[in-house]
Amino acid sequence: MCNNQWPKRLYALDVSRGIASLGVVLWHWQHFAYKGNSLSEQFIIENQPLYDLLRIFYKNGAMGVQYFFLLSGFIFFWLYKDTVKKRQVSTWAFCIQRFARLYPLHLITLIVVACLQCLYKSREGIAFVYPANDVFHFFLNLGLVSAWGFERGWSFNAPIWAVSIEALLYLVFFMVAYFGKGGWLFCLAVPVFSCLLGFAISHPLFVALAMFFLGGLVFYLTNAVSGKYKQLAKLFYFMTFISWFSVFINCYLIDLSKMIRCAGLLGGIFLTGFPLFILFPLTVLSLALIEIKKGSLLKPLSWIGDITYASYLLHFPLQLIFGLMVSFNILEPDFYLSSKYLLIYFLTLIPIAYVTFLKFERPMQNIIRNTFICSEKPEFRL
């Protein structure tokens, strides 16, 4: 089976992206324990609400961002590589599509956070969590380049850093595809060289670049296994199951990582690389293969994928509102230790994110694309 026979939308990947986003949101719950711009010395991770159940996200939720990069690479190689190479998608259309997808909600949340931070700082004398909220960093955020190396600290709606890096990755991808590059060997080489550069130059771009093109490699592997090498599918399912089983055992029952660390440097390298280069690629591969073979089993849960971007960009503004409620003595400073408020927070965020997707994100995308592109091929909601 070649990839043009795949479903138009892989709902399993969409849902997994939404779960990863909510995992990042939960990992950021610790923001409520900040004293000014740093985590309180009294903060104990195990005291967070429902920790025994949600510890996998409290401890590792930040890795959801790397999963985004991997998944983006997979999707872009699937939907865009051939069309860009064949000039079926122009440079202008590609840029407008990305702008329409990313920028409107980013602009709104940037302005909202700027206003809320001004109010918070006027009351507390210090910004909430992210300190670099000056004019220089506002314009970096406005240009969506807040994580390109010009920044001097975390600023405004700081989770946008991942989107800023993604925008750069899109430009790199387009040039690669436009000039007919990006085969499976290319996608194998880029992560290797990116990781080597990452050791010399510490910047999240290199990890993001590695994950994005690793996603391209996973796409090629998925295409091969769904077609010519179907007999390998069960092997990859088994490897994925064992990988996730090990993760849950390590997180909830036995700390396997301590035993692995005993192997010294090699053990440390394995622990660092396992989720990024084994667990996540196997997960995307298996989810895609299952849906290609079995059909859209997770279509009823597609709303989880739909709220990915909104939940990711709206969660810090919502945290700021909760922070202001503490400042106005509406909430106690330690409210975040209560599972009741965790529930209230997510029951507020998720509906707002879904309404934002329906009433703002999607209409704005259509308006911008219809205004600046004469005709457009429907695309995966990325």
Protein backbone atom coordinates (compact mmCIF):
# COMPACT_ATOMS: atom_id res chain seq x y z
CA MET A 1 0.00 0.00 0.00
CA CYS A 2 1.44 3.39 -0.92
CA ASN A 3 0.75 6.43 1.25
CA ASN A 4 -1.80 7.95 -1.17
CA GLN A 5 -4.08 5.07 -0.16
CA TRP A 6 -3.89 5.96 3.50
CA PRO A 7 -6.86 7.55 5.27
CA LYS A 8 -7.15 11.30 4.75
CA ARG A 9 -6.67 11.81 8.47
CA LEU A 10 -4.92 9.54 10.97
CA TYR A 11 -7.06 10.10 14.03
CA ALA A 12 -4.87 7.97 16.30
CA LEU A 13 -1.94 10.31 15.73
CA ASP A 14 -4.19 13.31 16.19
CA VAL A 15 -5.47 12.02 19.54
CA SER A 16 -1.95 11.13 20.69
CA ARG A 17 -0.86 14.69 19.95
CA GLY A 18 -3.73 16.03 22.05
CA ILE A 19 -2.78 13.78 24.96
CA ALA A 20 0.84 14.92 24.69
CA SER A 21 -0.33 18.54 24.84
CA LEU A 22 -2.38 17.91 27.97
CA GLY A 23 0.67 16.13 29.42
CA VAL A 24 2.72 19.29 28.95
CA VAL A 25 -0.08 21.30 30.58
CA LEU A 26 -0.06 19.00 33.60
CA TRP A 27 3.74 19.18 33.87
CA HIS A 28 3.37 22.97 34.04
CA TRP A 29 1.10 22.62 37.07
CA GLN A 30 4.26 23.25 39.11
CA HIS A 31 4.09 26.89 37.97
CA PHE A 32 1.72 27.49 40.87
CA ALA A 33 4.55 26.61 43.26
CA TYR A 34 6.78 29.35 41.86
CA LYS A 35 7.91 32.19 44.06
CA GLY A 36 8.34 34.92 41.51
CA ASN A 37 10.40 33.51 38.66
CA SER A 38 11.78 30.39 40.35
CA LEU A 39 10.38 27.21 41.81
CA SER A 40 9.96 27.34 45.56
CA GLU A 41 12.59 25.43 47.55
CA GLN A 42 9.72 23.93 49.54
CA PHE A 43 8.17 22.42 46.41
CA ILE A 44 7.78 18.64 46.62
CA ILE A 45 6.70 17.04 43.39
CA GLU A 46 4.96 14.17 45.16
CA ASN A 47 2.60 16.60 46.94
CA GLN A 48 0.88 17.59 43.71
CA PRO A 49 -2.74 16.41 43.40
CA LEU A 50 -3.36 12.83 42.26
CA TYR A 51 0.37 12.32 41.99
CA ASP A 52 0.21 8.53 42.37
CA LEU A 53 -2.08 8.36 39.34
CA LEU A 54 -0.58 11.11 37.20
CA ARG A 55 3.11 10.86 38.06
CA ILE A 56 4.07 9.92 34.49
CA PHE A 57 2.96 13.40 33.40
CA TYR A 58 4.20 15.26 36.48
CA LYS A 59 7.68 13.76 35.95
CA ASN A 60 7.92 13.50 32.17
CA GLY A 61 5.14 15.62 30.65
CA ALA A 62 7.62 18.11 29.17
CA MET A 63 8.71 15.42 26.70
CA GLY A 64 5.40 15.90 24.94
CA VAL A 65 7.04 18.79 23.09
CA GLN A 66 9.61 16.45 21.52
CA TYR A 67 6.72 14.19 20.54
CA PHE A 68 5.14 17.18 18.76
CA PHE A 69 8.29 17.66 16.70
CA LEU A 70 8.45 13.99 15.74
CA LEU A 71 4.77 13.90 14.80
CA SER A 72 5.09 17.11 12.78
CA GLY A 73 7.91 15.56 10.76
CA PHE A 74 5.83 12.47 10.05
CA ILE A 75 2.81 14.51 8.96
CA PHE A 76 4.74 16.96 6.80
CA PHE A 77 6.61 14.23 4.97
CA TRP A 78 3.29 12.47 4.41
CA LEU A 79 1.24 15.44 3.24
CA TYR A 80 3.70 17.91 1.78
CA LYS A 81 6.97 16.38 0.61
CA ASP A 82 5.81 15.18 -2.81
CA THR A 83 3.46 18.09 -3.45
CA VAL A 84 6.20 20.64 -2.68
CA LYS A 85 8.73 18.72 -4.78
CA LYS A 86 6.31 18.64 -7.73
CA ARG A 87 5.47 22.35 -7.23
CA GLN A 88 1.83 21.49 -6.53
CA VAL A 89 2.09 23.68 -3.42
CA SER A 90 3.70 27.06 -3.99
CA THR A 91 6.00 28.78 -1.52
CA TRP A 92 3.32 31.43 -0.98
CA ALA A 93 0.56 28.90 -0.33
CA PHE A 94 2.72 26.89 2.04
CA CYS A 95 3.64 29.97 4.07
CA ILE A 96 0.07 31.24 4.21
CA GLN A 97 -1.20 27.85 5.33
CA ARG A 98 1.34 27.77 8.17
CA PHE A 99 0.66 31.41 9.08
CA ALA A 100 -3.09 30.81 9.18
CA ARG A 101 -2.61 27.78 11.38
CA LEU A 102 -0.20 29.24 13.90
CA TYR A 103 -0.36 33.01 14.10
CA PRO A 104 -3.89 34.22 14.93
CA LEU A 105 -4.17 32.41 18.27
CA HIS A 106 -0.54 33.17 19.07
CA LEU A 107 -1.18 36.91 18.57
CA ILE A 108 -4.27 36.90 20.78
CA THR A 109 -2.61 34.95 23.61
CA LEU A 110 0.49 37.15 23.41
CA ILE A 111 -1.59 40.29 23.94
CA VAL A 112 -3.65 38.66 26.71
CA VAL A 113 -0.54 37.49 28.57
CA ALA A 114 1.12 40.90 28.20
CA CYS A 115 -1.92 42.57 29.80
CA LEU A 116 -2.25 40.00 32.58
CA GLN A 117 1.47 40.17 33.38
CA CYS A 118 1.26 43.95 33.67
CA LEU A 119 -1.57 43.59 36.18
CA TYR A 120 0.21 40.83 38.09
CA LYS A 121 3.49 42.76 38.27
CA SER A 122 1.71 45.91 39.42
CA ARG A 123 0.41 43.94 42.39
CA GLU A 124 3.30 41.59 43.17
CA GLY A 125 6.28 43.60 41.94
CA ILE A 126 7.49 40.66 39.87
CA ALA A 127 6.24 38.75 36.82
CA PHE A 128 4.45 35.42 37.12
CA VAL A 129 6.95 32.62 36.28
CA TYR A 130 8.40 34.09 33.06
CA PRO A 131 10.44 37.27 33.70
CA ALA A 132 11.59 38.71 30.34
CA ASN A 133 8.45 40.66 29.48
CA ASP A 134 10.03 43.75 27.96
CA VAL A 135 9.59 45.49 24.59
CA PHE A 136 12.48 43.61 22.99
CA HIS A 137 11.02 40.22 23.87
CA PHE A 138 7.52 41.34 22.91
CA PHE A 139 8.73 41.97 19.37
CA LEU A 140 10.57 38.65 19.33
CA ASN A 141 7.29 36.98 20.24
CA LEU A 142 5.41 39.13 17.74
CA GLY A 143 7.73 37.87 15.00
CA LEU A 144 7.44 34.28 16.27
CA VAL A 145 11.22 34.13 16.74
CA SER A 146 11.27 33.98 20.54
CA ALA A 147 13.36 30.77 20.56
CA TRP A 148 15.74 31.40 17.66
CA GLY A 149 18.67 32.38 19.87
CA PHE A 150 18.01 36.12 20.19
CA GLU A 151 16.17 35.79 23.50
CA ARG A 152 17.62 36.57 26.93
CA GLY A 153 15.16 34.54 28.97
CA TRP A 154 11.66 33.12 29.06
CA SER A 155 9.05 35.67 28.10
CA PHE A 156 5.31 36.30 27.83
CA ASN A 157 3.43 33.13 26.77
CA ALA A 158 6.67 31.16 26.94
CA PRO A 159 5.32 27.76 25.78
CA ILE A 160 5.19 29.37 22.33
CA TRP A 161 8.94 28.59 22.14
CA ALA A 162 8.08 25.19 20.65
CA VAL A 163 5.90 26.82 17.97
CA SER A 164 8.69 29.29 17.24
CA ILE A 165 11.07 26.38 16.64
CA GLU A 166 8.42 24.57 14.56
CA ALA A 167 8.10 27.60 12.29
CA LEU A 168 11.84 27.38 11.63
CA LEU A 169 11.57 23.65 11.00
CA TYR A 170 8.84 24.28 8.43
CA LEU A 171 11.18 26.57 6.50
CA VAL A 172 13.96 23.98 6.60
CA PHE A 173 11.56 21.24 5.51
CA PHE A 174 10.21 23.30 2.63
CA MET A 175 13.68 23.99 1.25
CA VAL A 176 14.63 20.33 1.59
CA ALA A 177 11.48 19.17 -0.20
CA TYR A 178 11.61 21.95 -2.80
CA PHE A 179 15.06 20.88 -3.95
CA GLY A 180 14.07 17.22 -4.10
CA LYS A 181 15.93 16.08 -0.99
CA GLY A 182 14.64 14.37 2.12
CA GLY A 183 14.85 10.67 1.27
CA TRP A 184 15.05 8.10 4.04
CA LEU A 185 18.86 8.24 4.17
CA PHE A 186 18.68 12.02 4.51
CA CYS A 187 16.17 11.63 7.34
CA LEU A 188 18.50 9.18 9.05
CA ALA A 189 21.54 11.43 8.69
CA VAL A 190 19.96 14.65 9.99
CA PRO A 191 19.16 13.30 13.51
CA VAL A 192 22.70 11.92 13.82
CA PHE A 193 24.37 15.19 12.87
CA SER A 194 21.86 17.27 14.86
CA CYS A 195 22.60 15.30 18.01
CA LEU A 196 26.34 15.70 17.48
CA LEU A 197 25.90 19.46 17.02
CA GLY A 198 23.66 19.51 20.08
CA PHE A 199 26.51 18.26 22.23
CA ALA A 200 28.66 21.18 21.07
CA ILE A 201 25.98 23.88 20.94
CA SER A 202 23.26 23.66 23.55
CA HIS A 203 20.08 24.83 21.86
CA PRO A 204 16.65 23.15 21.59
CA LEU A 205 16.71 23.63 17.83
CA PHE A 206 19.03 20.68 17.37
CA VAL A 207 16.83 18.26 19.29
CA ALA A 208 13.80 19.59 17.41
CA LEU A 209 15.58 19.17 14.07
CA ALA A 210 16.55 15.60 14.99
CA MET A 211 13.00 14.72 16.03
CA PHE A 212 11.38 16.33 12.99
CA PHE A 213 13.47 14.42 10.47
CA LEU A 214 13.23 11.29 12.58
CA GLY A 215 9.49 11.71 12.06
CA GLY A 216 10.19 11.73 8.32
CA LEU A 217 12.12 8.48 8.72
CA VAL A 218 9.21 6.95 10.63
CA PHE A 219 6.94 7.98 7.75
CA TYR A 220 9.12 6.09 5.27
CA LEU A 221 9.19 3.06 7.55
CA THR A 222 5.41 3.18 8.00
CA ASN A 223 4.95 3.36 4.25
CA ALA A 224 7.19 0.33 3.77
CA VAL A 225 5.61 -1.77 6.51
CA SER A 226 2.05 -0.91 5.46
CA GLY A 227 2.94 -2.02 1.93
CA LYS A 228 5.78 -4.35 1.02
CA TYR A 229 6.78 -5.53 4.50
CA LYS A 230 3.44 -6.18 6.20
CA GLN A 231 4.89 -9.18 8.02
CA LEU A 232 6.97 -6.81 10.19
CA ALA A 233 3.94 -4.99 11.63
CA LYS A 234 3.44 -7.43 14.51
CA LEU A 235 7.09 -7.15 15.48
CA PHE A 236 6.77 -3.37 15.77
CA TYR A 237 3.53 -3.70 17.74
CA PHE A 238 5.31 -6.00 20.16
CA MET A 239 8.29 -3.65 20.49
CA THR A 240 5.95 -0.73 21.16
CA PHE A 241 4.04 -2.69 23.80
CA ILE A 242 7.24 -3.76 25.55
CA SER A 243 8.55 -0.18 25.48
CA TRP A 244 5.42 1.30 27.04
CA PHE A 245 5.13 -1.60 29.49
CA SER A 246 8.68 -0.84 30.65
CA VAL A 247 7.82 2.85 31.02
CA PHE A 248 4.82 2.11 33.24
CA ILE A 249 6.75 -0.44 35.28
CA ASN A 250 9.54 2.09 35.78
CA CYS A 251 7.13 4.90 36.67
CA TYR A 252 4.67 3.07 38.92
CA LEU A 253 6.29 -0.11 40.26
CA ILE A 254 10.07 -0.51 40.05
CA ASP A 255 12.61 2.20 39.28
CA LEU A 256 14.35 0.45 36.41
CA SER A 257 16.26 3.62 35.59
CA LYS A 258 18.43 3.17 38.72
CA MET A 259 19.61 -0.19 37.46
CA ILE A 260 20.31 1.24 34.00
CA ARG A 261 22.30 4.11 35.51
CA CYS A 262 24.64 1.53 37.01
CA ALA A 263 25.92 0.97 33.48
CA GLY A 264 27.59 4.37 33.71
CA LEU A 265 27.82 6.65 30.70
CA LEU A 266 26.16 4.19 28.32
CA GLY A 267 23.27 3.79 30.74
CA GLY A 268 22.83 7.56 30.97
CA ILE A 269 22.85 7.90 27.19
CA PHE A 270 20.24 5.16 26.88
CA LEU A 271 17.95 6.78 29.45
CA THR A 272 18.18 10.10 27.62
CA GLY A 273 17.65 8.62 24.18
CA PHE A 274 15.07 5.92 24.91
CA PRO A 275 11.90 8.06 24.84
CA LEU A 276 13.06 10.25 21.97
CA PHE A 277 14.60 7.70 19.64
CA ILE A 278 12.84 4.45 20.56
CA LEU A 279 9.57 4.95 22.44
CA PHE A 280 8.15 7.89 20.47
CA PRO A 281 9.07 6.63 16.97
CA LEU A 282 7.65 3.18 17.76
CA THR A 283 4.46 4.77 19.10
CA VAL A 284 3.87 6.86 15.97
CA LEU A 285 4.71 3.90 13.73
CA SER A 286 2.35 1.52 15.51
CA LEU A 287 -0.54 3.98 15.78
CA ALA A 288 -0.28 4.80 12.09
CA LEU A 289 -0.07 1.14 11.06
CA ILE A 290 -3.07 0.18 13.20
CA GLU A 291 -5.23 2.91 11.74
CA ILE A 292 -4.15 2.21 8.17
CA LYS A 293 -5.08 -1.43 8.66
CA LYS A 294 -8.10 -1.22 10.98
CA GLY A 295 -9.67 2.09 10.00
CA SER A 296 -10.44 5.21 12.04
CA LEU A 297 -11.05 3.60 15.42
CA LEU A 298 -10.39 6.82 17.35
CA LYS A 299 -12.50 9.14 15.22
CA PRO A 300 -15.02 9.69 18.08
CA LEU A 301 -12.13 11.12 20.12
CA SER A 302 -10.92 13.46 17.39
CA TRP A 303 -11.84 16.46 19.55
CA ILE A 304 -8.81 15.64 21.74
CA GLY A 305 -6.60 16.30 18.75
CA ASP A 306 -8.61 19.36 17.76
CA ILE A 307 -7.87 21.12 21.06
CA THR A 308 -4.10 20.51 20.91
CA TYR A 309 -2.99 23.97 19.83
CA ALA A 310 -5.55 25.90 21.85
CA SER A 311 -4.92 23.94 25.04
CA TYR A 312 -1.18 24.44 24.61
CA LEU A 313 -1.39 28.20 24.07
CA LEU A 314 -4.23 28.94 26.48
CA HIS A 315 -2.99 27.05 29.53
CA PHE A 316 -0.47 29.67 30.68
CA PRO A 317 -2.91 32.61 30.35
CA LEU A 318 -5.34 30.56 32.43
CA GLN A 319 -2.59 29.95 34.99
CA LEU A 320 -1.99 33.69 35.11
CA ILE A 321 -5.66 34.23 35.92
CA PHE A 322 -5.39 31.71 38.76
CA GLY A 323 -2.22 33.49 39.91
CA LEU A 324 -4.11 36.78 39.98
CA MET A 325 -6.87 35.13 41.99
CA VAL A 326 -4.22 34.26 44.57
CA SER A 327 -2.97 37.86 44.45
CA PHE A 328 -6.51 39.14 45.09
CA ASN A 329 -6.92 36.64 47.97
CA ILE A 330 -9.66 34.77 46.15
CA LEU A 331 -7.57 31.58 46.30
CA GLU A 332 -5.14 30.39 48.94
CA PRO A 333 -1.47 30.25 47.84
CA ASP A 334 -1.40 26.47 48.24
CA PHE A 335 -4.64 25.85 46.33
CA TYR A 336 -2.67 23.90 43.73
CA LEU A 337 -2.19 21.04 46.19
CA SER A 338 -5.90 20.25 46.03
CA SER A 339 -7.25 17.81 43.44
CA LYS A 340 -10.45 19.89 43.38
CA TYR A 341 -8.65 22.81 41.79
CA LEU A 342 -6.80 20.56 39.38
CA LEU A 343 -10.19 19.32 38.20
CA ILE A 344 -11.59 22.86 37.99
CA TYR A 345 -8.57 23.98 35.99
CA PHE A 346 -8.88 21.24 33.36
CA LEU A 347 -12.67 21.48 33.24
CA THR A 348 -12.16 25.16 32.43
CA LEU A 349 -9.27 24.78 29.98
CA ILE A 350 -10.62 21.94 27.83
CA PRO A 351 -14.04 23.46 26.98
CA ILE A 352 -12.45 26.88 26.34
CA ALA A 353 -9.88 25.23 24.06
CA TYR A 354 -12.58 23.40 22.13
CA VAL A 355 -14.73 26.51 21.70
CA THR A 356 -11.61 28.41 20.63
CA PHE A 357 -10.89 25.78 18.00
CA LEU A 358 -14.44 25.88 16.63
CA LYS A 359 -15.18 29.58 16.87
CA PHE A 360 -11.78 31.19 16.38
CA GLU A 361 -9.00 28.92 15.08
CA ARG A 362 -10.90 27.24 12.26
CA PRO A 363 -12.80 30.35 11.06
CA MET A 364 -9.60 32.45 11.09
CA GLN A 365 -7.75 29.78 9.12
CA ASN A 366 -10.50 29.73 6.51
CA ILE A 367 -10.63 33.53 6.26
CA ILE A 368 -6.87 33.91 5.82
CA ARG A 369 -6.50 31.03 3.40
CA ASN A 370 -9.51 32.03 1.31
CA THR A 371 -8.28 35.60 1.19
CA PHE A 372 -4.68 34.95 0.21
CA ILE A 373 -4.86 31.60 -1.61
CA CYS A 374 -7.15 31.13 -4.59
CA SER A 375 -7.52 27.39 -4.11
CA GLU A 376 -6.35 25.09 -1.39
CA LYS A 377 -6.20 21.37 -0.87
CA PRO A 378 -7.72 20.27 2.48
CA GLU A 379 -5.02 19.33 4.96
CA PHE A 380 -4.47 17.46 8.18
CA ARG A 381 -5.16 19.69 11.17
CA LEU A 382 -1.61 20.31 12.33
